[in-house]
C-alpha atoms as a PDB file:
ATOM      1  CA  MET A   1     197.823 101.172  51.853  1.00  0.00           C
ATOM      2  CA  SER A   2     197.440 102.748  48.316  1.00  0.00           C
ATOM      3  CA  PHE A   3     196.128 101.988  45.475  1.00  0.00           C
ATOM      4  CA  SER A   4     197.898 101.613  42.116  1.00  0.00           C
ATOM      5  CA  VAL A   5     196.120 103.061  38.843  1.00  0.00           C
ATOM      6  CA  TRP A   6     196.248  99.882  37.343  1.00  0.00           C
ATOM      7  CA  GLU A   7     194.037  98.166  40.309  1.00  0.00           C
ATOM      8  CA  ILE A   8     191.419 101.469  40.490  1.00  0.00           C
ATOM      9  CA  ILE A   9     191.156 100.378  36.094  1.00  0.00           C
ATOM     10  CA  ILE A  10     191.143  97.167  37.456  1.00  0.00           C
ATOM     11  CA  VAL A  11     187.853  97.377  39.465  1.00  0.00           C
ATOM     12  CA  LEU A  12     186.601  99.878  36.677  1.00  0.00           C
ATOM     13  CA  ALA A  13     186.069  97.905  34.149  1.00  0.00           C
ATOM     14  CA  ILE A  14     185.062  94.773  36.215  1.00  0.00           C
ATOM     15  CA  VAL A  15     182.063  96.694  37.695  1.00  0.00           C
ATOM     16  CA  ILE A  16     181.161  98.176  33.800  1.00  0.00           C
ATOM     17  CA  LEU A  17     181.184  94.288  32.609  1.00  0.00           C
ATOM     18  CA  LEU A  18     179.242  93.059  35.707  1.00  0.00           C
ATOM     19  CA  PHE A  19     176.178  96.167  35.329  1.00  0.00           C
ATOM     20  CA  GLY A  20     176.056  97.986  32.325  1.00  0.00           C
ATOM     21  CA  THR A  21     177.094 101.299  31.027  1.00  0.00           C
ATOM     22  CA  LYS A  22     173.671 101.938  30.528  1.00  0.00           C
ATOM     23  CA  LYS A  23     172.445 101.762  34.589  1.00  0.00           C
ATOM     24  CA  LEU A  24     175.894 102.969  35.119  1.00  0.00           C
ATOM     25  CA  ARG A  25     174.530 105.523  34.054  1.00  0.00           C
ATOM     26  CA  ASN A  26     170.623 105.848  35.770  1.00  0.00           C
ATOM     27  CA  VAL A  27     172.801 104.952  38.602  1.00  0.00           C
ATOM     28  CA  GLY A  28     174.553 108.280  38.435  1.00  0.00           C
ATOM     29  CA  SER A  29     171.614 110.490  36.742  1.00  0.00           C
ATOM     30  CA  ASP A  30     169.251 108.681  39.832  1.00  0.00           C
ATOM     31  CA  LEU A  31     172.130 109.572  42.259  1.00  0.00           C
ATOM     32  CA  GLY A  32     172.345 113.033  41.159  1.00  0.00           C
ATOM     33  CA  THR A  33     168.688 113.649  41.073  1.00  0.00           C
ATOM     34  CA  ALA A  34     168.188 112.657  44.467  1.00  0.00           C
ATOM     35  CA  LEU A  35     171.065 114.891  45.830  1.00  0.00           C
ATOM     36  CA  LYS A  36     169.371 117.948  43.771  1.00  0.00           C
ATOM     37  CA  GLY A  37     166.076 117.120  45.342  1.00  0.00           C
ATOM     38  CA  PHE A  38     167.774 117.227  48.926  1.00  0.00           C
ATOM     39  CA  LYS A  39     169.166 120.340  48.058  1.00  0.00           C
ATOM     40  CA  LYS A  40     166.829 122.288  47.117  1.00  0.00           C
ATOM     41  CA  ALA A  41     164.301 120.456  50.566  1.00  0.00           C
ATOM     42  CA  MET A  42     166.733 122.018  52.573  1.00  0.00           C
ATOM     43  CA  ASN A  43     166.972 125.478  50.865  1.00  0.00           C
ATOM     44  CA  GLU A  44     163.382 125.440  51.324  1.00  0.00           C
ATOM     45  CA  ASP A  45     162.981 124.446  55.378  1.00  0.00           C
ATOM     46  CA  GLU A  46     165.459 127.140  55.876  1.00  0.00           C
ATOM     47  CA  PRO A  47     162.861 130.716  55.408  1.00  0.00           C
ATOM     48  CA  LYS A  48     160.646 128.070  57.216  1.00  0.00           C
ATOM     49  CA  LYS A  49     162.860 128.034  60.459  1.00  0.00           C
ATOM     50  CA  ASP A  50     163.764 131.623  60.495  1.00  0.00           C
ATOM     51  CA  ALA A  51     160.060 132.693  60.291  1.00  0.00           C
ATOM     52  CA  ASP A  52     159.794 129.695  63.301  1.00  0.00           C
ATOM     53  CA  PHE A  53     162.732 131.885  65.052  1.00  0.00           C
ATOM     54  CA  ASP A  54     161.434 135.262  64.742  1.00  0.00           C
ATOM     55  CA  ALA A  55     158.019 134.542  65.591  1.00  0.00           C
ATOM     56  CA  VAL A  56     158.934 132.431  69.235  1.00  0.00           C
ATOM     57  CA  GLU A  57     161.136 135.722  69.746  1.00  0.00           C
ATOM     58  CA  SER A  58     158.696 138.291  69.152  1.00  0.00           C
ATOM     59  CA  LYS A  59     156.970 135.734  72.089  1.00  0.00           C
ATOM     60  CA  THR A  60     159.674 136.635  74.211  1.00  0.00           C
ATOM     61  CA  GLU A  61     159.951 140.017  73.658  1.00  0.00           C
ATOM     62  CA  THR A  62     155.904 140.613  74.306  1.00  0.00           C
ATOM     63  CA  SER A  63     155.778 138.461  77.637  1.00  0.00           C
ATOM     64  CA  VAL A  64     159.126 140.715  78.766  1.00  0.00           C
ATOM     65  CA  GLU A  65     157.388 143.943  77.748  1.00  0.00           C
ATOM     66  CA  SER A  66     154.123 142.643  79.149  1.00  0.00           C
ATOM     67  CA  GLU A  67     156.342 141.967  83.175  1.00  0.00           C
ATOM     68  CA  SER A  68     158.330 144.818  82.672  1.00  0.00           C
ATOM     69  CA  GLN A  69     154.597 146.732  83.310  1.00  0.00           C
ATOM     70  CA  THR A  70     153.278 143.921  85.574  1.00  0.00           C
ATOM     71  CA  LYS A  71     155.425 145.084  87.903  1.00  0.00           C
ATOM     72  CA  GLU A  72     155.839 148.304  87.013  1.00  0.00           C
ATOM     73  CA  LYS A  73     152.195 148.454  88.444  1.00  0.00           C
ATOM     74  CA  VAL A  74     152.928 146.461  91.245  1.00  0.00           C
ATOM     75  CA  LYS A  75     155.251 149.056  91.951  1.00  0.00           C
ATOM     76  CA  ASP A  76     153.354 151.915  91.841  1.00  0.00           C
END
């Protein structure tokens, strides 16, 4: 079931008549601002994730090193 060009034009005309071009422009602007804010938040969160991962990784390496040192002391 595909929409023809005329059906799409009629639906767009009805939407413009119901909401008006000014309100549609505002909705588009608000949607763009929301998407921009969302992308910015995602990009700001990425370094935090990397820092958290690095912290966990360094703790794991430290615990592995201390465990191996403990095993060496027990063997001696």
